[in-house]
C-alpha atoms as a PDB file:
ATOM      1  CA  UNK A   1      31.492 -36.234   4.798  1.00  0.00           C
ATOM      2  CA  UNK A   2      31.553 -34.503   1.310  1.00  0.00           C
ATOM      3  CA  UNK A   3      27.821 -35.841   0.649  1.00  0.00           C
ATOM      4  CA  UNK A   4      26.615 -34.146   3.936  1.00  0.00           C
ATOM      5  CA  UNK A   5      27.993 -31.003   3.398  1.00  0.00           C
ATOM      6  CA  UNK A   6      26.681 -30.803  -0.064  1.00  0.00           C
ATOM      7  CA  UNK A   7      22.942 -31.897   1.349  1.00  0.00           C
ATOM      8  CA  UNK A   8      23.378 -28.908   4.222  1.00  0.00           C
ATOM      9  CA  UNK A   9      24.059 -26.387   1.369  1.00  0.00           C
ATOM     10  CA  UNK A  10      21.435 -27.630  -0.890  1.00  0.00           C
ATOM     11  CA  UNK A  11      18.910 -27.388   2.064  1.00  0.00           C
ATOM     12  CA  UNK A  12      20.129 -23.710   3.010  1.00  0.00           C
ATOM     13  CA  UNK A  13      19.648 -22.709  -0.677  1.00  0.00           C
ATOM     14  CA  UNK A  14      16.188 -24.446  -0.897  1.00  0.00           C
ATOM     15  CA  UNK A  15      14.931 -22.365   2.422  1.00  0.00           C
ATOM     16  CA  UNK A  16      16.005 -19.036   0.920  1.00  0.00           C
ATOM     17  CA  UNK A  17      14.198 -19.807  -2.086  1.00  0.00           C
ATOM     18  CA  UNK A  18      10.913 -20.780  -0.230  1.00  0.00           C
ATOM     19  CA  UNK A  19      11.109 -17.358   1.588  1.00  0.00           C
ATOM     20  CA  UNK A  20       7.886 -15.410   1.471  1.00  0.00           C
ATOM     21  CA  UNK A  21       8.220 -12.281   0.302  1.00  0.00           C
ATOM     22  CA  UNK A  22       6.510  -9.413   2.159  1.00  0.00           C
ATOM     23  CA  UNK A  23       6.245  -5.843   0.781  1.00  0.00           C
ATOM     24  CA  UNK A  24       5.050  -2.591   2.533  1.00  0.00           C
ATOM     25  CA  UNK A  25       5.553   1.023   2.209  1.00  0.00           C
ATOM     26  CA  UNK A  26       7.058   3.044   4.696  1.00  0.00           C
ATOM     27  CA  UNK A  27       4.798   4.990   6.946  1.00  0.00           C
ATOM     28  CA  UNK A  28       2.258   2.539   7.070  1.00  0.00           C
ATOM     29  CA  UNK A  29       0.653   1.652  10.106  1.00  0.00           C
ATOM     30  CA  UNK A  30       1.580  -1.963  10.636  1.00  0.00           C
ATOM     31  CA  UNK A  31       2.562  -4.853   8.322  1.00  0.00           C
ATOM     32  CA  UNK A  32       1.819  -8.441   9.053  1.00  0.00           C
ATOM     33  CA  UNK A  33       4.707 -11.130   8.831  1.00  0.00           C
ATOM     34  CA  UNK A  34       2.690 -14.394   8.475  1.00  0.00           C
ATOM     35  CA  UNK A  35       3.340 -17.421  10.259  1.00  0.00           C
ATOM     36  CA  UNK A  36       0.565 -20.658  10.767  1.00  0.00           C
ATOM     37  CA  UNK A  37       1.506 -24.012  11.716  1.00  0.00           C
ATOM     38  CA  UNK A  38      -0.272 -27.008  11.808  1.00  0.00           C
ATOM     39  CA  UNK A  39       1.565 -29.601  13.798  1.00  0.00           C
ATOM     40  CA  UNK A  40       1.233 -30.486  17.518  1.00  0.00           C
ATOM     41  CA  UNK A  41       2.218 -27.441  20.078  1.00  0.00           C
ATOM     42  CA  UNK A  42       4.901 -28.821  22.568  1.00  0.00           C
ATOM     43  CA  UNK A  43       3.468 -29.542  26.242  1.00  0.00           C
ATOM     44  CA  UNK A  44       6.337 -28.191  27.893  1.00  0.00           C
ATOM     45  CA  UNK A  45       8.357 -25.159  27.651  1.00  0.00           C
ATOM     46  CA  UNK A  46       6.694 -24.330  24.074  1.00  0.00           C
ATOM     47  CA  UNK A  47       8.080 -21.035  22.704  1.00  0.00           C
ATOM     48  CA  UNK A  48       7.954 -19.083  19.282  1.00  0.00           C
ATOM     49  CA  UNK A  49      10.724 -17.105  18.338  1.00  0.00           C
ATOM     50  CA  UNK A  50      10.923 -14.642  15.697  1.00  0.00           C
ATOM     51  CA  UNK A  51      14.545 -13.495  14.897  1.00  0.00           C
ATOM     52  CA  UNK A  52      16.331 -11.755  12.307  1.00  0.00           C
ATOM     53  CA  UNK A  53      19.990 -13.153  12.048  1.00  0.00           C
ATOM     54  CA  UNK A  54      21.827 -10.281  10.933  1.00  0.00           C
ATOM     55  CA  UNK A  55      21.170  -8.372  14.207  1.00  0.00           C
ATOM     56  CA  UNK A  56      22.555  -8.440  17.638  1.00  0.00           C
ATOM     57  CA  UNK A  57      20.836  -9.445  19.450  1.00  0.00           C
ATOM     58  CA  UNK A  58      18.795 -11.195  17.284  1.00  0.00           C
ATOM     59  CA  UNK A  59      15.815 -11.794  18.725  1.00  0.00           C
ATOM     60  CA  UNK A  60      12.924  -9.647  17.417  1.00  0.00           C
ATOM     61  CA  UNK A  61       9.802 -11.323  19.225  1.00  0.00           C
ATOM     62  CA  UNK A  62       9.692 -14.066  21.643  1.00  0.00           C
ATOM     63  CA  UNK A  63       6.220 -15.870  22.815  1.00  0.00           C
ATOM     64  CA  UNK A  64       5.602 -18.273  25.451  1.00  0.00           C
ATOM     65  CA  UNK A  65       2.431 -19.933  26.438  1.00  0.00           C
ATOM     66  CA  UNK A  66       2.205 -17.417  29.439  1.00  0.00           C
ATOM     67  CA  UNK A  67       2.782 -14.623  27.391  1.00  0.00           C
ATOM     68  CA  UNK A  68       5.488 -12.545  25.509  1.00  0.00           C
ATOM     69  CA  UNK A  69       8.877 -12.174  26.601  1.00  0.00           C
ATOM     70  CA  UNK A  70      10.715  -9.657  25.693  1.00  0.00           C
ATOM     71  CA  UNK A  71      13.725  -9.480  28.025  1.00  0.00           C
ATOM     72  CA  UNK A  72      16.283 -10.418  24.837  1.00  0.00           C
ATOM     73  CA  UNK A  73      14.199  -8.484  22.546  1.00  0.00           C
ATOM     74  CA  UNK A  74      16.548  -6.070  20.353  1.00  0.00           C
ATOM     75  CA  UNK A  75      15.968  -2.673  20.858  1.00  0.00           C
ATOM     76  CA  UNK A  76      14.891  -1.209  17.704  1.00  0.00           C
ATOM     77  CA  UNK A  77      11.854  -3.278  17.982  1.00  0.00           C
ATOM     78  CA  UNK A  78      10.815  -2.043  21.274  1.00  0.00           C
ATOM     79  CA  UNK A  79       7.102  -1.648  21.873  1.00  0.00           C
ATOM     80  CA  UNK A  80       6.527  -2.115  18.045  1.00  0.00           C
ATOM     81  CA  UNK A  81       5.867  -6.047  17.718  1.00  0.00           C
ATOM     82  CA  UNK A  82       2.773  -8.148  18.994  1.00  0.00           C
ATOM     83  CA  UNK A  83       1.166 -11.608  18.565  1.00  0.00           C
ATOM     84  CA  UNK A  84      -2.121 -12.884  18.816  1.00  0.00           C
ATOM     85  CA  UNK A  85      -3.134 -13.445  22.423  1.00  0.00           C
ATOM     86  CA  UNK A  86      -4.543 -16.752  21.773  1.00  0.00           C
ATOM     87  CA  UNK A  87      -1.528 -17.924  19.613  1.00  0.00           C
ATOM     88  CA  UNK A  88      -1.029 -21.160  20.827  1.00  0.00           C
ATOM     89  CA  UNK A  89      -4.655 -22.250  20.298  1.00  0.00           C
ATOM     90  CA  UNK A  90      -4.930 -20.976  17.073  1.00  0.00           C
ATOM     91  CA  UNK A  91      -1.747 -22.152  15.974  1.00  0.00           C
ATOM     92  CA  UNK A  92      -1.080 -18.715  14.070  1.00  0.00           C
ATOM     93  CA  UNK A  93       2.226 -17.301  14.892  1.00  0.00           C
ATOM     94  CA  UNK A  94       2.130 -14.152  12.807  1.00  0.00           C
ATOM     95  CA  UNK A  95       4.067 -11.101  14.220  1.00  0.00           C
ATOM     96  CA  UNK A  96       2.372  -7.640  13.341  1.00  0.00           C
ATOM     97  CA  UNK A  97       5.443  -4.911  13.379  1.00  0.00           C
ATOM     98  CA  UNK A  98       4.188  -1.434  13.656  1.00  0.00           C
ATOM     99  CA  UNK A  99       5.279   1.437  11.668  1.00  0.00           C
ATOM    100  CA  UNK A 100       7.758  -0.376   9.495  1.00  0.00           C
ATOM    101  CA  UNK A 101      10.695   1.491   8.123  1.00  0.00           C
ATOM    102  CA  UNK A 102      13.242   0.945   5.630  1.00  0.00           C
ATOM    103  CA  UNK A 103      15.835  -0.482   8.360  1.00  0.00           C
ATOM    104  CA  UNK A 104      13.125  -3.082   8.833  1.00  0.00           C
ATOM    105  CA  UNK A 105      13.837  -4.746   5.930  1.00  0.00           C
ATOM    106  CA  UNK A 106      15.425  -8.010   5.860  1.00  0.00           C
ATOM    107  CA  UNK A 107      15.376 -11.780   6.431  1.00  0.00           C
ATOM    108  CA  UNK A 108      13.106 -12.791   9.301  1.00  0.00           C
ATOM    109  CA  UNK A 109      12.646 -16.438  10.530  1.00  0.00           C
ATOM    110  CA  UNK A 110       9.757 -17.753  12.659  1.00  0.00           C
ATOM    111  CA  UNK A 111      10.445 -20.634  14.918  1.00  0.00           C
ATOM    112  CA  UNK A 112       9.165 -23.106  17.593  1.00  0.00           C
ATOM    113  CA  UNK A 113      11.079 -24.681  20.363  1.00  0.00           C
ATOM    114  CA  UNK A 114      10.116 -27.202  23.209  1.00  0.00           C
ATOM    115  CA  UNK A 115      13.399 -25.895  25.097  1.00  0.00           C
ATOM    116  CA  UNK A 116      15.490 -28.790  23.643  1.00  0.00           C
ATOM    117  CA  UNK A 117      15.003 -28.238  19.910  1.00  0.00           C
ATOM    118  CA  UNK A 118      14.342 -25.334  17.423  1.00  0.00           C
ATOM    119  CA  UNK A 119      11.961 -26.041  14.437  1.00  0.00           C
ATOM    120  CA  UNK A 120      12.050 -23.289  11.754  1.00  0.00           C
ATOM    121  CA  UNK A 121       8.513 -22.863  10.764  1.00  0.00           C
ATOM    122  CA  UNK A 122       8.721 -19.960   8.329  1.00  0.00           C
ATOM    123  CA  UNK A 123      11.263 -17.581   6.384  1.00  0.00           C
ATOM    124  CA  UNK A 124      10.103 -13.843   5.729  1.00  0.00           C
ATOM    125  CA  UNK A 125      11.820 -11.741   3.203  1.00  0.00           C
ATOM    126  CA  UNK A 126      10.486  -8.163   4.421  1.00  0.00           C
ATOM    127  CA  UNK A 127      10.742  -5.346   2.070  1.00  0.00           C
ATOM    128  CA  UNK A 128      10.021  -1.550   2.962  1.00  0.00           C
ATOM    129  CA  UNK A 129       9.472   0.484  -0.045  1.00  0.00           C
ATOM    130  CA  UNK A 130       9.557   4.472   0.288  1.00  0.00           C
ATOM    131  CA  UNK A 131       7.913   4.238  -3.236  1.00  0.00           C
ATOM    132  CA  UNK A 132       3.956   5.691  -3.810  1.00  0.00           C
ATOM    133  CA  UNK A 133       2.456   7.066  -6.512  1.00  0.00           C
ATOM    134  CA  UNK A 134       0.187  10.157  -6.585  1.00  0.00           C
ATOM    135  CA  UNK A 135      -2.885  10.936  -8.695  1.00  0.00           C
ATOM    136  CA  UNK A 136      -4.680  14.026  -9.165  1.00  0.00           C
ATOM    137  CA  UNK A 137      -8.114  14.781 -10.394  1.00  0.00           C
ATOM    138  CA  UNK A 138     -10.678  17.205 -10.591  1.00  0.00           C
ATOM    139  CA  UNK A 139     -14.394  16.264  -8.846  1.00  0.00           C
ATOM    140  CA  UNK A 140     -16.708  15.962 -11.779  1.00  0.00           C
ATOM    141  CA  UNK A 141     -14.196  13.811 -14.131  1.00  0.00           C
ATOM    142  CA  UNK A 142     -15.904  10.731 -15.664  1.00  0.00           C
ATOM    143  CA  UNK A 143     -13.169   8.531 -13.921  1.00  0.00           C
ATOM    144  CA  UNK A 144      -9.766   8.052 -12.397  1.00  0.00           C
ATOM    145  CA  UNK A 145      -7.176   5.289 -12.570  1.00  0.00           C
ATOM    146  CA  UNK A 146      -5.194   4.222  -9.502  1.00  0.00           C
ATOM    147  CA  UNK A 147      -2.070   2.407 -11.076  1.00  0.00           C
ATOM    148  CA  UNK A 148      -0.497  -0.771  -9.525  1.00  0.00           C
ATOM    149  CA  UNK A 149       1.418  -3.257 -11.895  1.00  0.00           C
ATOM    150  CA  UNK A 150       3.317  -6.227 -11.207  1.00  0.00           C
ATOM    151  CA  UNK A 151       4.967  -9.358 -13.396  1.00  0.00           C
ATOM    152  CA  UNK A 152       2.777 -10.628 -15.813  1.00  0.00           C
ATOM    153  CA  UNK A 153       1.383 -14.151 -15.940  1.00  0.00           C
ATOM    154  CA  UNK A 154       0.405 -14.282 -12.215  1.00  0.00           C
ATOM    155  CA  UNK A 155      -1.101 -17.343 -10.934  1.00  0.00           C
ATOM    156  CA  UNK A 156      -4.696 -18.153 -11.601  1.00  0.00           C
ATOM    157  CA  UNK A 157      -5.045 -18.246  -7.605  1.00  0.00           C
ATOM    158  CA  UNK A 158      -3.677 -14.532  -7.100  1.00  0.00           C
ATOM    159  CA  UNK A 159      -5.820 -12.528  -4.942  1.00  0.00           C
ATOM    160  CA  UNK A 160      -5.943  -8.534  -5.150  1.00  0.00           C
ATOM    161  CA  UNK A 161      -7.131  -6.459  -2.721  1.00  0.00           C
ATOM    162  CA  UNK A 162      -7.693  -2.436  -3.091  1.00  0.00           C
ATOM    163  CA  UNK A 163      -8.356  -0.777   0.811  1.00  0.00           C
ATOM    164  CA  UNK A 164      -8.077   2.476   2.120  1.00  0.00           C
ATOM    165  CA  UNK A 165      -5.178   3.001   4.297  1.00  0.00           C
ATOM    166  CA  UNK A 166      -6.298   6.181   5.768  1.00  0.00           C
ATOM    167  CA  UNK A 167     -10.088   4.707   6.989  1.00  0.00           C
ATOM    168  CA  UNK A 168      -8.935   1.624   8.910  1.00  0.00           C
ATOM    169  CA  UNK A 169      -8.242  -0.340   5.665  1.00  0.00           C
ATOM    170  CA  UNK A 170     -11.853   0.005   4.201  1.00  0.00           C
ATOM    171  CA  UNK A 171     -12.395  -2.547   1.271  1.00  0.00           C
ATOM    172  CA  UNK A 172     -12.599  -0.595  -1.853  1.00  0.00           C
ATOM    173  CA  UNK A 173     -12.429  -3.739  -4.368  1.00  0.00           C
ATOM    174  CA  UNK A 174     -11.507  -7.291  -4.481  1.00  0.00           C
ATOM    175  CA  UNK A 175     -10.453  -9.699  -7.016  1.00  0.00           C
ATOM    176  CA  UNK A 176      -9.997 -13.387  -6.079  1.00  0.00           C
ATOM    177  CA  UNK A 177     -10.310 -16.894  -7.590  1.00  0.00           C
ATOM    178  CA  UNK A 178     -10.442 -15.376 -11.240  1.00  0.00           C
ATOM    179  CA  UNK A 179     -13.586 -12.920 -10.661  1.00  0.00           C
ATOM    180  CA  UNK A 180     -14.590  -9.841  -8.870  1.00  0.00           C
ATOM    181  CA  UNK A 181     -15.358 -10.425  -5.017  1.00  0.00           C
ATOM    182  CA  UNK A 182     -17.375  -7.434  -3.733  1.00  0.00           C
ATOM    183  CA  UNK A 183     -18.954  -9.043  -0.832  1.00  0.00           C
ATOM    184  CA  UNK A 184     -16.954  -7.025   1.543  1.00  0.00           C
ATOM    185  CA  UNK A 185     -16.556  -3.816  -0.718  1.00  0.00           C
ATOM    186  CA  UNK A 186     -17.942  -0.544   1.476  1.00  0.00           C
ATOM    187  CA  UNK A 187     -20.961   0.849  -0.055  1.00  0.00           C
ATOM    188  CA  UNK A 188     -19.240   3.884  -0.334  1.00  0.00           C
ATOM    189  CA  UNK A 189     -17.581   2.329  -3.788  1.00  0.00           C
ATOM    190  CA  UNK A 190     -20.739   0.576  -4.662  1.00  0.00           C
ATOM    191  CA  UNK A 191     -20.745   0.337  -8.552  1.00  0.00           C
ATOM    192  CA  UNK A 192     -18.016   2.411  -8.833  1.00  0.00           C
ATOM    193  CA  UNK A 193     -14.897   0.419  -9.176  1.00  0.00           C
ATOM    194  CA  UNK A 194     -13.678  -1.582 -12.218  1.00  0.00           C
ATOM    195  CA  UNK A 195     -10.334  -3.652 -12.931  1.00  0.00           C
ATOM    196  CA  UNK A 196      -8.970  -4.967 -16.064  1.00  0.00           C
ATOM    197  CA  UNK A 197     -10.347  -8.275 -17.400  1.00  0.00           C
ATOM    198  CA  UNK A 198      -6.962  -9.697 -18.421  1.00  0.00           C
ATOM    199  CA  UNK A 199      -4.955  -8.673 -15.235  1.00  0.00           C
ATOM    200  CA  UNK A 200      -3.114 -12.269 -14.244  1.00  0.00           C
ATOM    201  CA  UNK A 201      -1.752 -12.188 -17.799  1.00  0.00           C
ATOM    202  CA  UNK A 202      -0.454  -8.654 -17.930  1.00  0.00           C
ATOM    203  CA  UNK A 203       0.193  -7.742 -14.722  1.00  0.00           C
ATOM    204  CA  UNK A 204      -1.816  -4.529 -14.688  1.00  0.00           C
ATOM    205  CA  UNK A 205      -3.818  -4.909 -11.246  1.00  0.00           C
ATOM    206  CA  UNK A 206      -4.751  -0.805 -11.926  1.00  0.00           C
ATOM    207  CA  UNK A 207      -8.324   0.072 -10.312  1.00  0.00           C
ATOM    208  CA  UNK A 208     -10.586   2.356 -12.451  1.00  0.00           C
ATOM    209  CA  UNK A 209     -12.707   4.644  -9.925  1.00  0.00           C
ATOM    210  CA  UNK A 210     -15.584   6.140 -11.357  1.00  0.00           C
ATOM    211  CA  UNK A 211     -17.074   9.625 -10.501  1.00  0.00           C
ATOM    212  CA  UNK A 212     -14.241  10.695  -8.213  1.00  0.00           C
ATOM    213  CA  UNK A 213     -15.382  13.194  -5.105  1.00  0.00           C
ATOM    214  CA  UNK A 214     -13.520  14.940  -2.702  1.00  0.00           C
ATOM    215  CA  UNK A 215     -14.256  12.638   0.041  1.00  0.00           C
ATOM    216  CA  UNK A 216     -12.535   9.923  -2.028  1.00  0.00           C
ATOM    217  CA  UNK A 217      -8.800  11.856  -1.529  1.00  0.00           C
ATOM    218  CA  UNK A 218      -6.679   9.718   0.756  1.00  0.00           C
ATOM    219  CA  UNK A 219      -4.360   6.575   0.935  1.00  0.00           C
ATOM    220  CA  UNK A 220      -5.401   3.648  -1.556  1.00  0.00           C
ATOM    221  CA  UNK A 221      -3.338   0.421  -1.206  1.00  0.00           C
ATOM    222  CA  UNK A 222      -2.758  -2.557  -3.702  1.00  0.00           C
ATOM    223  CA  UNK A 223      -2.176  -5.642  -2.075  1.00  0.00           C
ATOM    224  CA  UNK A 224      -1.429  -8.630  -3.992  1.00  0.00           C
ATOM    225  CA  UNK A 225      -1.285 -12.236  -2.732  1.00  0.00           C
ATOM    226  CA  UNK A 226       0.992 -14.336  -5.030  1.00  0.00           C
ATOM    227  CA  UNK A 227       1.413 -17.690  -3.882  1.00  0.00           C
ATOM    228  CA  UNK A 228       2.843 -17.058  -0.562  1.00  0.00           C
ATOM    229  CA  UNK A 229       4.123 -13.614  -1.299  1.00  0.00           C
ATOM    230  CA  UNK A 230       2.611 -10.450  -0.485  1.00  0.00           C
ATOM    231  CA  UNK A 231       3.087  -7.213  -2.134  1.00  0.00           C
ATOM    232  CA  UNK A 232       2.050  -3.872  -1.464  1.00  0.00           C
ATOM    233  CA  UNK A 233       1.660  -0.899  -3.519  1.00  0.00           C
ATOM    234  CA  UNK A 234       0.548   2.770  -2.495  1.00  0.00           C
ATOM    235  CA  UNK A 235      -1.615   5.123  -4.135  1.00  0.00           C
ATOM    236  CA  UNK A 236      -2.234   8.457  -2.977  1.00  0.00           C
ATOM    237  CA  UNK A 237      -5.500  10.156  -4.553  1.00  0.00           C
ATOM    238  CA  UNK A 238      -5.977  13.831  -4.165  1.00  0.00           C
ATOM    239  CA  UNK A 239      -9.337  14.908  -6.073  1.00  0.00           C
ATOM    240  CA  UNK A 240      -9.414  18.440  -6.268  1.00  0.00           C
ATOM    241  CA  UNK A 241     -12.900  20.825  -5.620  1.00  0.00           C
ATOM    242  CA  UNK A 242     -14.603  21.647  -8.887  1.00  0.00           C
ATOM    243  CA  UNK A 243     -14.059  24.979 -10.542  1.00  0.00           C
ATOM    244  CA  UNK A 244     -16.280  27.209  -7.846  1.00  0.00           C
ATOM    245  CA  UNK A 245     -18.990  29.208  -9.769  1.00  0.00           C
ATOM    246  CA  UNK A 246     -17.791  32.517  -7.887  1.00  0.00           C
ATOM    247  CA  UNK A 247     -14.299  31.873  -9.694  1.00  0.00           C
ATOM    248  CA  UNK A 248     -16.055  31.684 -12.860  1.00  0.00           C
ATOM    249  CA  UNK A 249     -17.807  34.652 -12.600  1.00  0.00           C
ATOM    250  CA  UNK A 250     -14.798  36.378 -11.571  1.00  0.00           C
ATOM    251  CA  UNK A 251     -12.985  35.080 -14.576  1.00  0.00           C
ATOM    252  CA  UNK A 252     -15.820  36.210 -17.039  1.00  0.00           C
ATOM    253  CA  UNK A 253     -15.604  39.781 -15.065  1.00  0.00           C
ATOM    254  CA  UNK A 254     -11.803  40.173 -15.723  1.00  0.00           C
ATOM    255  CA  UNK A 255     -12.198  38.971 -19.445  1.00  0.00           C
ATOM    256  CA  UNK A 256     -15.023  41.748 -19.812  1.00  0.00           C
ATOM    257  CA  UNK A 257     -12.912  44.572 -17.726  1.00  0.00           C
ATOM    258  CA  UNK A 258     -10.163  43.903 -19.765  1.00  0.00           C
ATOM    259  CA  UNK A 259     -11.914  44.047 -23.417  1.00  0.00           C
ATOM    260  CA  UNK A 260     -13.905  47.033 -22.326  1.00  0.00           C
ATOM    261  CA  UNK A 261     -10.356  48.619 -21.333  1.00  0.00           C
ATOM    262  CA  UNK A 262      -8.984  47.968 -24.924  1.00  0.00           C
ATOM    263  CA  UNK A 263     -12.018  49.155 -26.416  1.00  0.00           C
ATOM    264  CA  UNK A 264     -11.713  52.290 -24.093  1.00  0.00           C
ATOM    265  CA  UNK A 265      -8.431  52.612 -24.955  1.00  0.00           C
ATOM    266  CA  UNK A 266      -8.725  52.305 -28.641  1.00  0.00           C
ATOM    267  CA  UNK A 267     -11.637  54.948 -28.558  1.00  0.00           C
ATOM    268  CA  UNK A 268      -9.922  57.648 -26.271  1.00  0.00           C
ATOM    269  CA  UNK A 269      -7.037  57.192 -29.184  1.00  0.00           C
ATOM    270  CA  UNK A 270      -9.560  57.796 -31.849  1.00  0.00           C
ATOM    271  CA  UNK A 271     -11.203  60.442 -30.584  1.00  0.00           C
ATOM    272  CA  UNK A 272      -7.838  62.054 -29.310  1.00  0.00           C
ATOM    273  CA  UNK A 273      -6.838  62.035 -32.897  1.00  0.00           C
ATOM    274  CA  UNK A 274     -10.440  63.689 -34.140  1.00  0.00           C
ATOM    275  CA  UNK A 275      -9.554  66.621 -31.526  1.00  0.00           C
ATOM    276  CA  UNK A 276      -6.404  67.377 -33.292  1.00  0.00           C
ATOM    277  CA  UNK A 277      -7.725  67.301 -36.563  1.00  0.00           C
ATOM    278  CA  UNK A 278     -10.436  69.677 -35.642  1.00  0.00           C
ATOM    279  CA  UNK A 279      -7.873  71.811 -33.852  1.00  0.00           C
ATOM    280  CA  UNK A 280      -5.404  72.410 -37.238  1.00  0.00           C
ATOM    281  CA  UNK A 281      -8.582  72.808 -39.568  1.00  0.00           C
ATOM    282  CA  UNK A 282      -8.047  76.112 -41.149  1.00  0.00           C
END
C-alpha cells in the first residue's frame, strides 16, 4: 500500500511538470490550447473533454462524434470556445478560447473517453497577462526595435514568430531551425526586418524594423515555441508622422518674428534715448 501511494504522488508530480505552458496577452482575439492525439479513436461513445478542475462545473468544452455538447459547460466560457469540426478525423483536439481574460488563467486538461474510461491527453497551463510594451518612433527614422526577451540558452529547435495581431495575423518575421524563414513573410516587410544572430543564447528575440512608416503602426505579437510551451509577448508600435513642412515654416516665421520684435524693441529704446538727449541739449 505504501509503494502504491508513493507511485501515485510521483505520477501526479510528473504530469504537472510536463504541462504545456501557453501565454497570451489579455485583449487578444483568441488563444489556442494545443491537444494532438496519435492513438485509435474509440468506435462507440467517443468524447473529447476540456476541463478545468478548479471550477464548478469544471467543463470548459465537450465534443462528441456528432458535434459539441455544451449542456454542462461552465457559463464563464459560454460562446467563447470552439474545436475543429473535423477533430475526430484529424485527431487535433485543440481548443480555441476567444477573448481571453486574466480570470481564464489556470490549468486545463484535455481528455478522451469511450464512455467507460477516461484518458488524459494533455495538461495546459494558461497564463493570461496584461503586459504590453509601447514603442514610439517618428516616420523617417532609420529603424526601430520591437523588444521581446525570454530566458537565455533556448533549445536549438525553438521557433520565433513575429506577426501583426491587428491585421489578421500577418506574418512579419519567422525564425526556425536556427535560421530566418521568410517564405511566408508579407511583402510589406520584405527586406525590412532583422533579428539578432545569437538570439538563442541570449534570449533576446527583439525585431529590428527598418524605415518605419505610419502604416506600420499597430499591434505586434512575438510568439515563442519553446519545446512544447507557447509564450507570447505583445508590442504596440506607434509611428508618428514626420514634422510637416508647414509646421516648419510656421516655426521659422515665429523665430523671425521673435528676433524682429527684439530688434524693434532695442532700436525703439535706442531712438527714444536719442530723442531725450536732443530735448535736453542747450
